[in-house]
Amino acid sequence: MQVKGRHFVIAWTGLFLLVAGIIVLRLRRSFAIADQVSVLQLSIDSLLAERAEQQNAIGPLMGEQLRVRAEALGMRVASDSELVVLTLPPVR
């Protein structure tokens, strides 16, 4: 049996359609994944913003709690005029 030119055309057309179909499927999947990544990035950004807000709200409260505890232990806040000079021995 002799293979004619039309069989080569049909085979190459089939191969082209197969490769084009694979490319289309990969592109669809990559677009879906890109959409998921953008949604996740938005949620990460909003969570980071919320975390920053909470840390800013907690900061002054923690300082207040530490001051109250220190005063309960008989400690006081040093004034600006109190200066302690620490000297270190020379390095040999």
PDB file of N, CA and C in Angstrom:
ATOM      1  N   MET A   1       0.833  -1.172   0.000  1.00  0.00           N
ATOM      2  CA  MET A   1       0.000   0.000   0.000  1.00  0.00           C
ATOM      3  C   MET A   1       0.887   1.247   0.000  1.00  0.00           C
ATOM      4  N   GLN A   2       0.583   2.142  -0.848  1.00  0.00           N
ATOM      5  CA  GLN A   2       1.375   3.355  -0.991  1.00  0.00           C
ATOM      6  C   GLN A   2       0.657   4.508  -0.291  1.00  0.00           C
ATOM      7  N   VAL A   3       1.431   5.274   0.544  1.00  0.00           N
ATOM      8  CA  VAL A   3       0.867   6.417   1.263  1.00  0.00           C
ATOM      9  C   VAL A   3       0.874   7.609   0.315  1.00  0.00           C
ATOM     10  N   LYS A   4      -0.294   8.209   0.173  1.00  0.00           N
ATOM     11  CA  LYS A   4      -0.415   9.325  -0.757  1.00  0.00           C
ATOM     12  C   LYS A   4      -0.264  10.650  -0.011  1.00  0.00           C
ATOM     13  N   GLY A   5      -0.143  11.704  -0.769  1.00  0.00           N
ATOM     14  CA  GLY A   5       0.073  13.038  -0.214  1.00  0.00           C
ATOM     15  C   GLY A   5      -1.065  13.494   0.675  1.00  0.00           C
ATOM     16  N   ARG A   6      -2.276  13.114   0.330  1.00  0.00           N
ATOM     17  CA  ARG A   6      -3.403  13.546   1.146  1.00  0.00           C
ATOM     18  C   ARG A   6      -3.350  12.937   2.548  1.00  0.00           C
ATOM     19  N   HIS A   7      -2.766  11.731   2.670  1.00  0.00           N
ATOM     20  CA  HIS A   7      -2.619  11.115   3.989  1.00  0.00           C
ATOM     21  C   HIS A   7      -1.633  11.903   4.863  1.00  0.00           C
ATOM     22  N   PHE A   8      -0.557  12.398   4.220  1.00  0.00           N
ATOM     23  CA  PHE A   8       0.391  13.242   4.963  1.00  0.00           C
ATOM     24  C   PHE A   8      -0.282  14.535   5.418  1.00  0.00           C
ATOM     25  N   VAL A   9      -1.096  15.130   4.575  1.00  0.00           N
ATOM     26  CA  VAL A   9      -1.799  16.356   4.930  1.00  0.00           C
ATOM     27  C   VAL A   9      -2.745  16.103   6.088  1.00  0.00           C
ATOM     28  N   ILE A  10      -3.460  14.997   6.046  1.00  0.00           N
ATOM     29  CA  ILE A  10      -4.387  14.652   7.131  1.00  0.00           C
ATOM     30  C   ILE A  10      -3.614  14.392   8.426  1.00  0.00           C
ATOM     31  N   ALA A  11      -2.495  13.693   8.338  1.00  0.00           N
ATOM     32  CA  ALA A  11      -1.693  13.390   9.528  1.00  0.00           C
ATOM     33  C   ALA A  11      -1.126  14.676  10.137  1.00  0.00           C
ATOM     34  N   TRP A  12      -0.573  15.567   9.295  1.00  0.00           N
ATOM     35  CA  TRP A  12      -0.018  16.818   9.793  1.00  0.00           C
ATOM     36  C   TRP A  12      -1.112  17.717  10.358  1.00  0.00           C
ATOM     37  N   THR A  13      -2.278  17.719   9.747  1.00  0.00           N
ATOM     38  CA  THR A  13      -3.390  18.500  10.261  1.00  0.00           C
ATOM     39  C   THR A  13      -3.831  17.970  11.625  1.00  0.00           C
ATOM     40  N   GLY A  14      -3.909  16.650  11.736  1.00  0.00           N
ATOM     41  CA  GLY A  14      -4.264  16.050  13.023  1.00  0.00           C
ATOM     42  C   GLY A  14      -3.237  16.372  14.098  1.00  0.00           C
ATOM     43  N   LEU A  15      -1.959  16.299  13.756  1.00  0.00           N
ATOM     44  CA  LEU A  15      -0.898  16.623  14.713  1.00  0.00           C
ATOM     45  C   LEU A  15      -0.979  18.092  15.130  1.00  0.00           C
ATOM     46  N   PHE A  16      -1.218  18.973  14.131  1.00  0.00           N
ATOM     47  CA  PHE A  16      -1.354  20.396  14.442  1.00  0.00           C
ATOM     48  C   PHE A  16      -2.519  20.639  15.385  1.00  0.00           C
ATOM     49  N   LEU A  17      -3.670  20.015  15.117  1.00  0.00           N
ATOM     50  CA  LEU A  17      -4.841  20.200  15.977  1.00  0.00           C
ATOM     51  C   LEU A  17      -4.592  19.664  17.378  1.00  0.00           C
ATOM     52  N   LEU A  18      -3.877  18.557  17.481  1.00  0.00           N
ATOM     53  CA  LEU A  18      -3.551  17.992  18.795  1.00  0.00           C
ATOM     54  C   LEU A  18      -2.661  18.950  19.590  1.00  0.00           C
ATOM     55  N   VAL A  19      -1.608  19.454  18.959  1.00  0.00           N
ATOM     56  CA  VAL A  19      -0.691  20.379  19.642  1.00  0.00           C
ATOM     57  C   VAL A  19      -1.413  21.680  19.992  1.00  0.00           C
ATOM     58  N   ALA A  20      -2.233  22.191  19.073  1.00  0.00           N
ATOM     59  CA  ALA A  20      -2.973  23.425  19.353  1.00  0.00           C
ATOM     60  C   ALA A  20      -3.949  23.214  20.506  1.00  0.00           C
ATOM     61  N   GLY A  21      -4.603  22.059  20.574  1.00  0.00           N
ATOM     62  CA  GLY A  21      -5.509  21.753  21.676  1.00  0.00           C
ATOM     63  C   GLY A  21      -4.779  21.700  23.005  1.00  0.00           C
ATOM     64  N   ILE A  22      -3.597  21.103  23.019  1.00  0.00           N
ATOM     65  CA  ILE A  22      -2.798  21.030  24.250  1.00  0.00           C
ATOM     66  C   ILE A  22      -2.398  22.440  24.697  1.00  0.00           C
ATOM     67  N   ILE A  23      -2.007  23.278  23.745  1.00  0.00           N
ATOM     68  CA  ILE A  23      -1.615  24.649  24.086  1.00  0.00           C
ATOM     69  C   ILE A  23      -2.796  25.420  24.668  1.00  0.00           C
ATOM     70  N   VAL A  24      -3.977  25.262  24.063  1.00  0.00           N
ATOM     71  CA  VAL A  24      -5.161  25.953  24.558  1.00  0.00           C
ATOM     72  C   VAL A  24      -5.498  25.492  25.970  1.00  0.00           C
ATOM     73  N   LEU A  25      -5.422  24.195  26.227  1.00  0.00           N
ATOM     74  CA  LEU A  25      -5.715  23.684  27.572  1.00  0.00           C
ATOM     75  C   LEU A  25      -4.729  24.217  28.598  1.00  0.00           C
ATOM     76  N   ARG A  26      -3.460  24.273  28.233  1.00  0.00           N
ATOM     77  CA  ARG A  26      -2.458  24.800  29.161  1.00  0.00           C
ATOM     78  C   ARG A  26      -2.691  26.285  29.433  1.00  0.00           C
ATOM     79  N   LEU A  27      -3.057  27.051  28.400  1.00  0.00           N
ATOM     80  CA  LEU A  27      -3.321  28.474  28.602  1.00  0.00           C
ATOM     81  C   LEU A  27      -4.535  28.690  29.496  1.00  0.00           C
ATOM     82  N   ARG A  28      -5.591  27.915  29.280  1.00  0.00           N
ATOM     83  CA  ARG A  28      -6.774  28.052  30.138  1.00  0.00           C
ATOM     84  C   ARG A  28      -6.418  27.773  31.589  1.00  0.00           C
ATOM     85  N   ARG A  29      -5.650  26.713  31.799  1.00  0.00           N
ATOM     86  CA  ARG A  29      -5.258  26.359  33.167  1.00  0.00           C
ATOM     87  C   ARG A  29      -4.374  27.447  33.776  1.00  0.00           C
ATOM     88  N   SER A  30      -3.453  27.997  32.993  1.00  0.00           N
ATOM     89  CA  SER A  30      -2.567  29.035  33.533  1.00  0.00           C
ATOM     90  C   SER A  30      -3.345  30.300  33.874  1.00  0.00           C
ATOM     91  N   PHE A  31      -4.359  30.651  33.068  1.00  0.00           N
ATOM     92  CA  PHE A  31      -5.183  31.825  33.391  1.00  0.00           C
ATOM     93  C   PHE A  31      -5.980  31.592  34.667  1.00  0.00           C
ATOM     94  N   ALA A  32      -6.482  30.377  34.849  1.00  0.00           N
ATOM     95  CA  ALA A  32      -7.227  30.070  36.075  1.00  0.00           C
ATOM     96  C   ALA A  32      -6.312  30.160  37.296  1.00  0.00           C
ATOM     97  N   ILE A  33      -5.109  29.651  37.159  1.00  0.00           N
ATOM     98  CA  ILE A  33      -4.148  29.709  38.266  1.00  0.00           C
ATOM     99  C   ILE A  33      -3.748  31.157  38.545  1.00  0.00           C
ATOM    100  N   ALA A  34      -3.575  31.961  37.490  1.00  0.00           N
ATOM    101  CA  ALA A  34      -3.223  33.374  37.680  1.00  0.00           C
ATOM    102  C   ALA A  34      -4.342  34.112  38.419  1.00  0.00           C
ATOM    103  N   ASP A  35      -5.591  33.785  38.108  1.00  0.00           N
ATOM    104  CA  ASP A  35      -6.709  34.391  38.834  1.00  0.00           C
ATOM    105  C   ASP A  35      -6.678  34.007  40.308  1.00  0.00           C
ATOM    106  N   GLN A  36      -6.405  32.743  40.585  1.00  0.00           N
ATOM    107  CA  GLN A  36      -6.331  32.293  41.978  1.00  0.00           C
ATOM    108  C   GLN A  36      -5.197  32.996  42.712  1.00  0.00           C
ATOM    109  N   VAL A  37      -4.063  33.148  42.052  1.00  0.00           N
ATOM    110  CA  VAL A  37      -2.918  33.815  42.679  1.00  0.00           C
ATOM    111  C   VAL A  37      -3.247  35.275  42.980  1.00  0.00           C
ATOM    112  N   SER A  38      -3.937  35.947  42.068  1.00  0.00           N
ATOM    113  CA  SER A  38      -4.280  37.345  42.327  1.00  0.00           C
ATOM    114  C   SER A  38      -5.261  37.471  43.486  1.00  0.00           C
ATOM    115  N   VAL A  39      -6.207  36.534  43.595  1.00  0.00           N
ATOM    116  CA  VAL A  39      -7.136  36.552  44.730  1.00  0.00           C
ATOM    117  C   VAL A  39      -6.382  36.314  46.029  1.00  0.00           C
ATOM    118  N   LEU A  40      -5.468  35.354  46.016  1.00  0.00           N
ATOM    119  CA  LEU A  40      -4.679  35.078  47.219  1.00  0.00           C
ATOM    120  C   LEU A  40      -3.794  36.262  47.587  1.00  0.00           C
ATOM    121  N   GLN A  41      -3.223  36.931  46.587  1.00  0.00           N
ATOM    122  CA  GLN A  41      -2.382  38.089  46.869  1.00  0.00           C
ATOM    123  C   GLN A  41      -3.192  39.210  47.507  1.00  0.00           C
ATOM    124  N   LEU A  42      -4.415  39.408  47.027  1.00  0.00           N
ATOM    125  CA  LEU A  42      -5.286  40.425  47.637  1.00  0.00           C
ATOM    126  C   LEU A  42      -5.607  40.080  49.087  1.00  0.00           C
ATOM    127  N   SER A  43      -5.868  38.798  49.354  1.00  0.00           N
ATOM    128  CA  SER A  43      -6.170  38.410  50.729  1.00  0.00           C
ATOM    129  C   SER A  43      -4.936  38.546  51.622  1.00  0.00           C
ATOM    130  N   ILE A  44      -3.762  38.245  51.089  1.00  0.00           N
ATOM    131  CA  ILE A  44      -2.525  38.413  51.860  1.00  0.00           C
ATOM    132  C   ILE A  44      -2.315  39.891  52.184  1.00  0.00           C
ATOM    133  N   ASP A  45      -2.530  40.759  51.190  1.00  0.00           N
ATOM    134  CA  ASP A  45      -2.359  42.196  51.419  1.00  0.00           C
ATOM    135  C   ASP A  45      -3.331  42.713  52.478  1.00  0.00           C
ATOM    136  N   SER A  46      -4.583  42.244  52.417  1.00  0.00           N
ATOM    137  CA  SER A  46      -5.547  42.714  53.409  1.00  0.00           C
ATOM    138  C   SER A  46      -5.208  42.184  54.799  1.00  0.00           C
ATOM    139  N   LEU A  47      -4.723  40.946  54.870  1.00  0.00           N
ATOM    140  CA  LEU A  47      -4.324  40.395  56.175  1.00  0.00           C
ATOM    141  C   LEU A  47      -3.114  41.137  56.743  1.00  0.00           C
ATOM    142  N   LEU A  48      -2.167  41.494  55.884  1.00  0.00           N
ATOM    143  CA  LEU A  48      -1.007  42.249  56.363  1.00  0.00           C
ATOM    144  C   LEU A  48      -1.410  43.637  56.850  1.00  0.00           C
ATOM    145  N   ALA A  49      -2.362  44.263  56.151  1.00  0.00           N
ATOM    146  CA  ALA A  49      -2.844  45.574  56.597  1.00  0.00           C
ATOM    147  C   ALA A  49      -3.562  45.456  57.938  1.00  0.00           C
ATOM    148  N   GLU A  50      -4.358  44.411  58.095  1.00  0.00           N
ATOM    149  CA  GLU A  50      -5.055  44.200  59.363  1.00  0.00           C
ATOM    150  C   GLU A  50      -4.063  43.922  60.494  1.00  0.00           C
ATOM    151  N   ARG A  51      -3.019  43.163  60.179  1.00  0.00           N
ATOM    152  CA  ARG A  51      -1.995  42.874  61.190  1.00  0.00           C
ATOM    153  C   ARG A  51      -1.296  44.162  61.634  1.00  0.00           C
ATOM    154  N   ALA A  52      -0.980  45.032  60.671  1.00  0.00           N
ATOM    155  CA  ALA A  52      -0.324  46.296  61.008  1.00  0.00           C
ATOM    156  C   ALA A  52      -1.230  47.162  61.881  1.00  0.00           C
ATOM    157  N   GLU A  53      -2.521  47.184  61.560  1.00  0.00           N
ATOM    158  CA  GLU A  53      -3.463  47.942  62.390  1.00  0.00           C
ATOM    159  C   GLU A  53      -3.499  47.409  63.815  1.00  0.00           C
ATOM    160  N   GLN A  54      -3.541  46.099  63.944  1.00  0.00           N
ATOM    161  CA  GLN A  54      -3.610  45.497  65.282  1.00  0.00           C
ATOM    162  C   GLN A  54      -2.325  45.741  66.062  1.00  0.00           C
ATOM    163  N   GLN A  55      -1.184  45.669  65.397  1.00  0.00           N
ATOM    164  CA  GLN A  55       0.072  45.934  66.099  1.00  0.00           C
ATOM    165  C   GLN A  55       0.150  47.388  66.543  1.00  0.00           C
ATOM    166  N   ASN A  56      -0.358  48.303  65.715  1.00  0.00           N
ATOM    167  CA  ASN A  56      -0.367  49.712  66.113  1.00  0.00           C
ATOM    168  C   ASN A  56      -1.307  49.943  67.293  1.00  0.00           C
ATOM    169  N   ALA A  57      -2.397  49.177  67.358  1.00  0.00           N
ATOM    170  CA  ALA A  57      -3.329  49.327  68.475  1.00  0.00           C
ATOM    171  C   ALA A  57      -2.773  48.700  69.748  1.00  0.00           C
ATOM    172  N   ILE A  58      -2.009  47.634  69.623  1.00  0.00           N
ATOM    173  CA  ILE A  58      -1.470  46.924  70.789  1.00  0.00           C
ATOM    174  C   ILE A  58      -0.273  47.657  71.391  1.00  0.00           C
ATOM    175  N   GLY A  59       0.528  48.319  70.549  1.00  0.00           N
ATOM    176  CA  GLY A  59       1.756  48.966  71.018  1.00  0.00           C
ATOM    177  C   GLY A  59       1.572  49.873  72.213  1.00  0.00           C
ATOM    178  N   PRO A  60       0.714  50.871  72.152  1.00  0.00           N
ATOM    179  CA  PRO A  60       0.536  51.761  73.310  1.00  0.00           C
ATOM    180  C   PRO A  60      -0.038  51.035  74.526  1.00  0.00           C
ATOM    181  N   LEU A  61      -0.887  50.057  74.295  1.00  0.00           N
ATOM    182  CA  LEU A  61      -1.466  49.322  75.424  1.00  0.00           C
ATOM    183  C   LEU A  61      -0.404  48.518  76.157  1.00  0.00           C
ATOM    184  N   MET A  62       0.518  47.920  75.408  1.00  0.00           N
ATOM    185  CA  MET A  62       1.583  47.142  76.051  1.00  0.00           C
ATOM    186  C   MET A  62       2.490  48.058  76.867  1.00  0.00           C
ATOM    187  N   GLY A  63       2.769  49.244  76.360  1.00  0.00           N
ATOM    188  CA  GLY A  63       3.592  50.186  77.109  1.00  0.00           C
ATOM    189  C   GLY A  63       2.902  50.604  78.397  1.00  0.00           C
ATOM    190  N   GLU A  64       1.611  50.812  78.341  1.00  0.00           N
ATOM    191  CA  GLU A  64       0.848  51.190  79.528  1.00  0.00           C
ATOM    192  C   GLU A  64       0.852  50.061  80.552  1.00  0.00           C
ATOM    193  N   GLN A  65       0.663  48.848  80.105  1.00  0.00           N
ATOM    194  CA  GLN A  65       0.658  47.701  81.021  1.00  0.00           C
ATOM    195  C   GLN A  65       2.024  47.528  81.680  1.00  0.00           C
ATOM    196  N   LEU A  66       3.086  47.708  80.898  1.00  0.00           N
ATOM    197  CA  LEU A  66       4.427  47.580  81.479  1.00  0.00           C
ATOM    198  C   LEU A  66       4.673  48.667  82.513  1.00  0.00           C
ATOM    199  N   ARG A  67       4.212  49.899  82.247  1.00  0.00           N
ATOM    200  CA  ARG A  67       4.399  50.990  83.197  1.00  0.00           C
ATOM    201  C   ARG A  67       3.658  50.701  84.497  1.00  0.00           C
ATOM    202  N   VAL A  68       2.436  50.194  84.403  1.00  0.00           N
ATOM    203  CA  VAL A  68       1.648  49.874  85.604  1.00  0.00           C
ATOM    204  C   VAL A  68       2.329  48.763  86.398  1.00  0.00           C
ATOM    205  N   ARG A  69       2.823  47.758  85.720  1.00  0.00           N
ATOM    206  CA  ARG A  69       3.517  46.658  86.423  1.00  0.00           C
ATOM    207  C   ARG A  69       4.791  47.148  87.105  1.00  0.00           C
ATOM    208  N   ALA A  70       5.537  48.006  86.387  1.00  0.00           N
ATOM    209  CA  ALA A  70       6.783  48.515  86.963  1.00  0.00           C
ATOM    210  C   ALA A  70       6.496  49.361  88.197  1.00  0.00           C
ATOM    211  N   GLU A  71       5.469  50.189  88.162  1.00  0.00           N
ATOM    212  CA  GLU A  71       5.120  50.997  89.334  1.00  0.00           C
ATOM    213  C   GLU A  71       4.657  50.110  90.477  1.00  0.00           C
ATOM    214  N   ALA A  72       3.981  49.011  90.182  1.00  0.00           N
ATOM    215  CA  ALA A  72       3.548  48.084  91.229  1.00  0.00           C
ATOM    216  C   ALA A  72       4.744  47.414  91.894  1.00  0.00           C
ATOM    217  N   LEU A  73       5.836  47.260  91.145  1.00  0.00           N
ATOM    218  CA  LEU A  73       7.043  46.659  91.706  1.00  0.00           C
ATOM    219  C   LEU A  73       7.960  47.692  92.363  1.00  0.00           C
ATOM    220  N   GLY A  74       7.532  48.945  92.402  1.00  0.00           N
ATOM    221  CA  GLY A  74       8.332  49.980  93.052  1.00  0.00           C
ATOM    222  C   GLY A  74       9.342  50.622  92.122  1.00  0.00           C
ATOM    223  N   MET A  75       9.250  50.378  90.848  1.00  0.00           N
ATOM    224  CA  MET A  75      10.174  50.987  89.894  1.00  0.00           C
ATOM    225  C   MET A  75       9.612  52.323  89.427  1.00  0.00           C
ATOM    226  N   ARG A  76      10.480  53.134  88.856  1.00  0.00           N
ATOM    227  CA  ARG A  76      10.041  54.408  88.327  1.00  0.00           C
ATOM    228  C   ARG A  76      10.738  54.642  87.003  1.00  0.00           C
ATOM    229  N   VAL A  77      10.192  55.561  86.254  1.00  0.00           N
ATOM    230  CA  VAL A  77      10.776  55.913  84.962  1.00  0.00           C
ATOM    231  C   VAL A  77      11.892  56.907  85.219  1.00  0.00           C
ATOM    232  N   ALA A  78      13.033  56.670  84.619  1.00  0.00           N
ATOM    233  CA  ALA A  78      14.170  57.565  84.807  1.00  0.00           C
ATOM    234  C   ALA A  78      13.914  58.885  84.110  1.00  0.00           C
ATOM    235  N   SER A  79      14.382  59.961  84.746  1.00  0.00           N
ATOM    236  CA  SER A  79      14.215  61.272  84.117  1.00  0.00           C
ATOM    237  C   SER A  79      15.339  61.479  83.103  1.00  0.00           C
ATOM    238  N   ASP A  80      15.151  62.474  82.276  1.00  0.00           N
ATOM    239  CA  ASP A  80      16.147  62.743  81.246  1.00  0.00           C
ATOM    240  C   ASP A  80      17.463  63.247  81.828  1.00  0.00           C
ATOM    241  N   SER A  81      17.414  63.838  83.018  1.00  0.00           N
ATOM    242  CA  SER A  81      18.642  64.377  83.599  1.00  0.00           C
ATOM    243  C   SER A  81      19.520  63.286  84.207  1.00  0.00           C
ATOM    244  N   GLU A  82      18.947  62.127  84.445  1.00  0.00           N
ATOM    245  CA  GLU A  82      19.755  61.032  84.988  1.00  0.00           C
ATOM    246  C   GLU A  82      20.522  60.382  83.843  1.00  0.00           C
ATOM    247  N   LEU A  83      21.840  60.369  84.007  1.00  0.00           N
ATOM    248  CA  LEU A  83      22.691  59.838  82.965  1.00  0.00           C
ATOM    249  C   LEU A  83      23.650  58.854  83.595  1.00  0.00           C
ATOM    250  N   VAL A  84      23.719  57.688  83.084  1.00  0.00           N
ATOM    251  CA  VAL A  84      24.634  56.664  83.576  1.00  0.00           C
ATOM    252  C   VAL A  84      25.637  56.376  82.482  1.00  0.00           C
ATOM    253  N   VAL A  85      26.908  56.569  82.792  1.00  0.00           N
ATOM    254  CA  VAL A  85      27.964  56.321  81.825  1.00  0.00           C
ATOM    255  C   VAL A  85      28.538  54.948  82.112  1.00  0.00           C
ATOM    256  N   LEU A  86      28.452  54.104  81.160  1.00  0.00           N
ATOM    257  CA  LEU A  86      29.001  52.750  81.302  1.00  0.00           C
ATOM    258  C   LEU A  86      30.344  52.714  80.606  1.00  0.00           C
ATOM    259  N   THR A  87      31.367  52.263  81.359  1.00  0.00           N
ATOM    260  CA  THR A  87      32.683  52.153  80.767  1.00  0.00           C
ATOM    261  C   THR A  87      33.038  50.681  80.614  1.00  0.00           C
ATOM    262  N   LEU A  88      33.646  50.378  79.546  1.00  0.00           N
ATOM    263  CA  LEU A  88      34.063  49.013  79.273  1.00  0.00           C
ATOM    264  C   LEU A  88      35.588  48.918  79.378  1.00  0.00           C
ATOM    265  N   PRO A  89      36.077  47.782  79.842  1.00  0.00           N
ATOM    266  CA  PRO A  89      37.529  47.634  79.870  1.00  0.00           C
ATOM    267  C   PRO A  89      38.079  47.559  78.453  1.00  0.00           C
ATOM    268  N   PRO A  90      39.322  47.987  78.266  1.00  0.00           N
ATOM    269  CA  PRO A  90      39.899  47.957  76.921  1.00  0.00           C
ATOM    270  C   PRO A  90      40.030  46.509  76.420  1.00  0.00           C
ATOM    271  N   VAL A  91      39.858  46.371  75.150  1.00  0.00           N
ATOM    272  CA  VAL A  91      39.983  45.055  74.516  1.00  0.00           C
ATOM    273  C   VAL A  91      41.431  44.774  74.232  1.00  0.00           C
ATOM    274  N   ARG A  92      41.882  43.618  74.620  1.00  0.00           N
ATOM    275  CA  ARG A  92      43.306  43.284  74.407  1.00  0.00           C
ATOM    276  C   ARG A  92      43.480  42.358  73.243  1.00  0.00           C
TER     277      ARG A  92
END
